[in-house]
Amino acid sequence: MRTTLDLPEDLIEEAMRLTHADTKTDVIKIALENLVQKEKIKGLKKYFGKADLDIDLDRIRDRPT
């Protein structure tokens, strides 16, 4: 998809340098992928401590008990 954006050049250049992206398109893709991943993780964190999984790690890992 083609989209015209007005982005700060210094921010794009810094992001390209840090990510070693070759093109502006690549750095935008990386940024969007990271944003999506971060938001998914944030969504999963709300379940922390809410589920009792009752898992026996010793049995799962075939450890002698």
PDB file of N, CA and C in Angstrom:
ATOM      1  N   MET A   1       0.845  -1.156   0.000  1.00  0.00           N
ATOM      2  CA  MET A   1       0.000   0.000   0.000  1.00  0.00           C
ATOM      3  C   MET A   1       0.906   1.239   0.000  1.00  0.00           C
ATOM      4  N   ARG A   2       0.568   2.171  -0.783  1.00  0.00           N
ATOM      5  CA  ARG A   2       1.330   3.418  -0.821  1.00  0.00           C
ATOM      6  C   ARG A   2       0.640   4.441   0.066  1.00  0.00           C
ATOM      7  N   THR A   3       1.441   5.092   0.899  1.00  0.00           N
ATOM      8  CA  THR A   3       0.929   6.101   1.810  1.00  0.00           C
ATOM      9  C   THR A   3       1.951   7.224   1.906  1.00  0.00           C
ATOM     10  N   THR A   4       1.477   8.440   1.915  1.00  0.00           N
ATOM     11  CA  THR A   4       2.362   9.583   2.085  1.00  0.00           C
ATOM     12  C   THR A   4       2.347   9.989   3.549  1.00  0.00           C
ATOM     13  N   LEU A   5       3.544  10.075   4.134  1.00  0.00           N
ATOM     14  CA  LEU A   5       3.666  10.433   5.543  1.00  0.00           C
ATOM     15  C   LEU A   5       4.641  11.587   5.697  1.00  0.00           C
ATOM     16  N   ASP A   6       4.380  12.411   6.680  1.00  0.00           N
ATOM     17  CA  ASP A   6       5.301  13.495   7.015  1.00  0.00           C
ATOM     18  C   ASP A   6       5.960  13.122   8.332  1.00  0.00           C
ATOM     19  N   LEU A   7       7.174  12.560   8.241  1.00  0.00           N
ATOM     20  CA  LEU A   7       7.881  12.053   9.417  1.00  0.00           C
ATOM     21  C   LEU A   7       9.158  12.843   9.650  1.00  0.00           C
ATOM     22  N   PRO A   8       9.552  13.000  10.900  1.00  0.00           N
ATOM     23  CA  PRO A   8      10.799  13.711  11.202  1.00  0.00           C
ATOM     24  C   PRO A   8      11.998  12.944  10.620  1.00  0.00           C
ATOM     25  N   GLU A   9      12.750  13.600   9.770  1.00  0.00           N
ATOM     26  CA  GLU A   9      13.876  12.957   9.080  1.00  0.00           C
ATOM     27  C   GLU A   9      14.912  12.433  10.068  1.00  0.00           C
ATOM     28  N   ASP A  10      15.198  13.208  11.116  1.00  0.00           N
ATOM     29  CA  ASP A  10      16.209  12.763  12.080  1.00  0.00           C
ATOM     30  C   ASP A  10      15.769  11.504  12.819  1.00  0.00           C
ATOM     31  N   LEU A  11      14.476  11.364  13.081  1.00  0.00           N
ATOM     32  CA  LEU A  11      13.961  10.178  13.741  1.00  0.00           C
ATOM     33  C   LEU A  11      14.070   8.955  12.830  1.00  0.00           C
ATOM     34  N   ILE A  12      13.738   9.134  11.569  1.00  0.00           N
ATOM     35  CA  ILE A  12      13.858   8.042  10.587  1.00  0.00           C
ATOM     36  C   ILE A  12      15.313   7.624  10.449  1.00  0.00           C
ATOM     37  N   GLU A  13      16.211   8.583  10.345  1.00  0.00           N
ATOM     38  CA  GLU A  13      17.636   8.266  10.188  1.00  0.00           C
ATOM     39  C   GLU A  13      18.173   7.521  11.407  1.00  0.00           C
ATOM     40  N   GLU A  14      17.779   7.963  12.601  1.00  0.00           N
ATOM     41  CA  GLU A  14      18.233   7.283  13.812  1.00  0.00           C
ATOM     42  C   GLU A  14      17.689   5.857  13.866  1.00  0.00           C
ATOM     43  N   ALA A  15      16.425   5.686  13.529  1.00  0.00           N
ATOM     44  CA  ALA A  15      15.822   4.355  13.517  1.00  0.00           C
ATOM     45  C   ALA A  15      16.503   3.454  12.489  1.00  0.00           C
ATOM     46  N   MET A  16      16.825   3.994  11.342  1.00  0.00           N
ATOM     47  CA  MET A  16      17.516   3.211  10.309  1.00  0.00           C
ATOM     48  C   MET A  16      18.903   2.794  10.806  1.00  0.00           C
ATOM     49  N   ARG A  17      19.569   3.691  11.471  1.00  0.00           N
ATOM     50  CA  ARG A  17      20.907   3.398  11.984  1.00  0.00           C
ATOM     51  C   ARG A  17      20.843   2.316  13.064  1.00  0.00           C
ATOM     52  N   LEU A  18      19.899   2.440  13.980  1.00  0.00           N
ATOM     53  CA  LEU A  18      19.778   1.489  15.083  1.00  0.00           C
ATOM     54  C   LEU A  18      19.331   0.101  14.631  1.00  0.00           C
ATOM     55  N   THR A  19      18.468   0.048  13.628  1.00  0.00           N
ATOM     56  CA  THR A  19      17.930  -1.236  13.160  1.00  0.00           C
ATOM     57  C   THR A  19      18.703  -1.806  11.979  1.00  0.00           C
ATOM     58  N   HIS A  20      19.617  -1.014  11.445  1.00  0.00           N
ATOM     59  CA  HIS A  20      20.388  -1.415  10.256  1.00  0.00           C
ATOM     60  C   HIS A  20      19.473  -1.647   9.050  1.00  0.00           C
ATOM     61  N   ALA A  21      18.365  -0.926   9.028  1.00  0.00           N
ATOM     62  CA  ALA A  21      17.444  -1.018   7.896  1.00  0.00           C
ATOM     63  C   ALA A  21      18.040  -0.270   6.708  1.00  0.00           C
ATOM     64  N   ASP A  22      17.869  -0.835   5.527  1.00  0.00           N
ATOM     65  CA  ASP A  22      18.432  -0.236   4.321  1.00  0.00           C
ATOM     66  C   ASP A  22      17.555   0.861   3.727  1.00  0.00           C
ATOM     67  N   THR A  23      16.259   0.754   3.964  1.00  0.00           N
ATOM     68  CA  THR A  23      15.336   1.720   3.368  1.00  0.00           C
ATOM     69  C   THR A  23      14.374   2.250   4.421  1.00  0.00           C
ATOM     70  N   LYS A  24      13.754   3.366   4.096  1.00  0.00           N
ATOM     71  CA  LYS A  24      12.744   3.932   4.988  1.00  0.00           C
ATOM     72  C   LYS A  24      11.568   2.975   5.119  1.00  0.00           C
ATOM     73  N   THR A  25      11.214   2.316   4.040  1.00  0.00           N
ATOM     74  CA  THR A  25      10.124   1.347   4.074  1.00  0.00           C
ATOM     75  C   THR A  25      10.440   0.229   5.056  1.00  0.00           C
ATOM     76  N   ASP A  26      11.671  -0.262   5.013  1.00  0.00           N
ATOM     77  CA  ASP A  26      12.068  -1.332   5.927  1.00  0.00           C
ATOM     78  C   ASP A  26      11.966  -0.888   7.381  1.00  0.00           C
ATOM     79  N   VAL A  27      12.418   0.318   7.677  1.00  0.00           N
ATOM     80  CA  VAL A  27      12.387   0.781   9.065  1.00  0.00           C
ATOM     81  C   VAL A  27      10.948   0.993   9.549  1.00  0.00           C
ATOM     82  N   ILE A  28      10.072   1.423   8.683  1.00  0.00           N
ATOM     83  CA  ILE A  28       8.658   1.580   9.054  1.00  0.00           C
ATOM     84  C   ILE A  28       8.029   0.207   9.302  1.00  0.00           C
ATOM     85  N   LYS A  29       8.361  -0.783   8.473  1.00  0.00           N
ATOM     86  CA  LYS A  29       7.847  -2.144   8.681  1.00  0.00           C
ATOM     87  C   LYS A  29       8.317  -2.687  10.028  1.00  0.00           C
ATOM     88  N   ILE A  30       9.602  -2.504  10.331  1.00  0.00           N
ATOM     89  CA  ILE A  30      10.149  -2.969  11.608  1.00  0.00           C
ATOM     90  C   ILE A  30       9.428  -2.287  12.765  1.00  0.00           C
ATOM     91  N   ALA A  31       9.238  -0.989  12.655  1.00  0.00           N
ATOM     92  CA  ALA A  31       8.575  -0.233  13.721  1.00  0.00           C
ATOM     93  C   ALA A  31       7.140  -0.722  13.930  1.00  0.00           C
ATOM     94  N   LEU A  32       6.421  -0.963  12.851  1.00  0.00           N
ATOM     95  CA  LEU A  32       5.040  -1.428  12.970  1.00  0.00           C
ATOM     96  C   LEU A  32       4.976  -2.832  13.554  1.00  0.00           C
ATOM     97  N   GLU A  33       5.893  -3.712  13.126  1.00  0.00           N
ATOM     98  CA  GLU A  33       5.927  -5.070  13.675  1.00  0.00           C
ATOM     99  C   GLU A  33       6.212  -5.036  15.170  1.00  0.00           C
ATOM    100  N   ASN A  34       7.148  -4.185  15.584  1.00  0.00           N
ATOM    101  CA  ASN A  34       7.465  -4.059  17.011  1.00  0.00           C
ATOM    102  C   ASN A  34       6.290  -3.497  17.798  1.00  0.00           C
ATOM    103  N   LEU A  35       5.592  -2.526  17.240  1.00  0.00           N
ATOM    104  CA  LEU A  35       4.429  -1.948  17.901  1.00  0.00           C
ATOM    105  C   LEU A  35       3.332  -2.989  18.086  1.00  0.00           C
ATOM    106  N   VAL A  36       3.053  -3.762  17.042  1.00  0.00           N
ATOM    107  CA  VAL A  36       2.019  -4.797  17.126  1.00  0.00           C
ATOM    108  C   VAL A  36       2.399  -5.835  18.179  1.00  0.00           C
ATOM    109  N   GLN A  37       3.659  -6.267  18.176  1.00  0.00           N
ATOM    110  CA  GLN A  37       4.118  -7.244  19.161  1.00  0.00           C
ATOM    111  C   GLN A  37       3.987  -6.699  20.585  1.00  0.00           C
ATOM    112  N   LYS A  38       4.387  -5.457  20.774  1.00  0.00           N
ATOM    113  CA  LYS A  38       4.305  -4.830  22.104  1.00  0.00           C
ATOM    114  C   LYS A  38       2.859  -4.759  22.594  1.00  0.00           C
ATOM    115  N   GLU A  39       1.936  -4.400  21.721  1.00  0.00           N
ATOM    116  CA  GLU A  39       0.530  -4.296  22.104  1.00  0.00           C
ATOM    117  C   GLU A  39      -0.063  -5.669  22.405  1.00  0.00           C
ATOM    118  N   LYS A  40       0.339  -6.692  21.667  1.00  0.00           N
ATOM    119  CA  LYS A  40      -0.148  -8.048  21.948  1.00  0.00           C
ATOM    120  C   LYS A  40       0.343  -8.508  23.310  1.00  0.00           C
ATOM    121  N   ILE A  41       1.600  -8.236  23.623  1.00  0.00           N
ATOM    122  CA  ILE A  41       2.153  -8.597  24.930  1.00  0.00           C
ATOM    123  C   ILE A  41       1.411  -7.863  26.035  1.00  0.00           C
ATOM    124  N   LYS A  42       1.143  -6.585  25.811  1.00  0.00           N
ATOM    125  CA  LYS A  42       0.399  -5.797  26.806  1.00  0.00           C
ATOM    126  C   LYS A  42      -0.977  -6.418  27.048  1.00  0.00           C
ATOM    127  N   GLY A  43      -1.604  -6.891  25.996  1.00  0.00           N
ATOM    128  CA  GLY A  43      -2.905  -7.536  26.134  1.00  0.00           C
ATOM    129  C   GLY A  43      -2.830  -8.834  26.914  1.00  0.00           C
ATOM    130  N   LEU A  44      -1.751  -9.589  26.743  1.00  0.00           N
ATOM    131  CA  LEU A  44      -1.590 -10.845  27.473  1.00  0.00           C
ATOM    132  C   LEU A  44      -1.281 -10.619  28.942  1.00  0.00           C
ATOM    133  N   LYS A  45      -0.595  -9.522  29.254  1.00  0.00           N
ATOM    134  CA  LYS A  45      -0.206  -9.247  30.637  1.00  0.00           C
ATOM    135  C   LYS A  45      -1.407  -9.073  31.561  1.00  0.00           C
ATOM    136  N   LYS A  46      -2.549  -8.694  31.026  1.00  0.00           N
ATOM    137  CA  LYS A  46      -3.716  -8.509  31.889  1.00  0.00           C
ATOM    138  C   LYS A  46      -4.217  -9.833  32.457  1.00  0.00           C
ATOM    139  N   TYR A  47      -3.767 -10.953  31.883  1.00  0.00           N
ATOM    140  CA  TYR A  47      -4.158 -12.265  32.375  1.00  0.00           C
ATOM    141  C   TYR A  47      -3.172 -12.824  33.402  1.00  0.00           C
ATOM    142  N   PHE A  48      -2.066 -12.100  33.669  1.00  0.00           N
ATOM    143  CA  PHE A  48      -1.051 -12.578  34.601  1.00  0.00           C
ATOM    144  C   PHE A  48      -1.660 -12.801  35.982  1.00  0.00           C
ATOM    145  N   GLY A  49      -1.493 -14.012  36.479  1.00  0.00           N
ATOM    146  CA  GLY A  49      -2.003 -14.346  37.798  1.00  0.00           C
ATOM    147  C   GLY A  49      -3.485 -14.649  37.840  1.00  0.00           C
ATOM    148  N   LYS A  50      -4.159 -14.648  36.724  1.00  0.00           N
ATOM    149  CA  LYS A  50      -5.609 -14.858  36.697  1.00  0.00           C
ATOM    150  C   LYS A  50      -5.986 -16.312  36.425  1.00  0.00           C
ATOM    151  N   ALA A  51      -5.056 -17.094  35.864  1.00  0.00           N
ATOM    152  CA  ALA A  51      -5.374 -18.478  35.517  1.00  0.00           C
ATOM    153  C   ALA A  51      -4.547 -19.418  36.385  1.00  0.00           C
ATOM    154  N   ASP A  52      -5.202 -20.401  36.975  1.00  0.00           N
ATOM    155  CA  ASP A  52      -4.505 -21.421  37.743  1.00  0.00           C
ATOM    156  C   ASP A  52      -4.312 -22.612  36.819  1.00  0.00           C
ATOM    157  N   LEU A  53      -3.096 -22.771  36.327  1.00  0.00           N
ATOM    158  CA  LEU A  53      -2.830 -23.811  35.339  1.00  0.00           C
ATOM    159  C   LEU A  53      -2.550 -25.169  35.978  1.00  0.00           C
ATOM    160  N   ASP A  54      -2.197 -25.201  37.277  1.00  0.00           N
ATOM    161  CA  ASP A  54      -1.944 -26.446  37.993  1.00  0.00           C
ATOM    162  C   ASP A  54      -1.039 -27.373  37.180  1.00  0.00           C
ATOM    163  N   ILE A  55       0.137 -26.887  36.845  1.00  0.00           N
ATOM    164  CA  ILE A  55       1.089 -27.629  36.028  1.00  0.00           C
ATOM    165  C   ILE A  55       2.172 -28.226  36.922  1.00  0.00           C
ATOM    166  N   ASP A  56       2.471 -29.506  36.720  1.00  0.00           N
ATOM    167  CA  ASP A  56       3.560 -30.180  37.428  1.00  0.00           C
ATOM    168  C   ASP A  56       4.766 -30.204  36.496  1.00  0.00           C
ATOM    169  N   LEU A  57       5.672 -29.238  36.664  1.00  0.00           N
ATOM    170  CA  LEU A  57       6.822 -29.128  35.767  1.00  0.00           C
ATOM    171  C   LEU A  57       7.740 -30.336  35.840  1.00  0.00           C
ATOM    172  N   ASP A  58       7.862 -30.950  37.014  1.00  0.00           N
ATOM    173  CA  ASP A  58       8.701 -32.142  37.126  1.00  0.00           C
ATOM    174  C   ASP A  58       8.165 -33.272  36.249  1.00  0.00           C
ATOM    175  N   ARG A  59       6.859 -33.456  36.240  1.00  0.00           N
ATOM    176  CA  ARG A  59       6.246 -34.509  35.414  1.00  0.00           C
ATOM    177  C   ARG A  59       6.393 -34.182  33.934  1.00  0.00           C
ATOM    178  N   ILE A  60       6.193 -32.933  33.571  1.00  0.00           N
ATOM    179  CA  ILE A  60       6.303 -32.518  32.170  1.00  0.00           C
ATOM    180  C   ILE A  60       7.729 -32.705  31.656  1.00  0.00           C
ATOM    181  N   ARG A  61       8.688 -32.421  32.506  1.00  0.00           N
ATOM    182  CA  ARG A  61      10.095 -32.520  32.103  1.00  0.00           C
ATOM    183  C   ARG A  61      10.688 -33.894  32.376  1.00  0.00           C
ATOM    184  N   ASP A  62       9.866 -34.855  32.724  1.00  0.00           N
ATOM    185  CA  ASP A  62      10.284 -36.237  32.987  1.00  0.00           C
ATOM    186  C   ASP A  62      11.375 -36.319  34.040  1.00  0.00           C
ATOM    187  N   ARG A  63      11.209 -35.532  35.110  1.00  0.00           N
ATOM    188  CA  ARG A  63      12.153 -35.568  36.217  1.00  0.00           C
ATOM    189  C   ARG A  63      11.660 -36.567  37.249  1.00  0.00           C
ATOM    190  N   PRO A  64      12.604 -37.265  37.871  1.00  0.00           N
ATOM    191  CA  PRO A  64      12.174 -38.177  38.950  1.00  0.00           C
ATOM    192  C   PRO A  64      11.672 -37.379  40.142  1.00  0.00           C
ATOM    193  N   THR A  65      10.605 -37.840  40.746  1.00  0.00           N
ATOM    194  CA  THR A  65      10.041 -37.130  41.898  1.00  0.00           C
ATOM    195  C   THR A  65      10.292 -37.868  43.182  1.00  0.00           C
TER     196      THR A  65
END
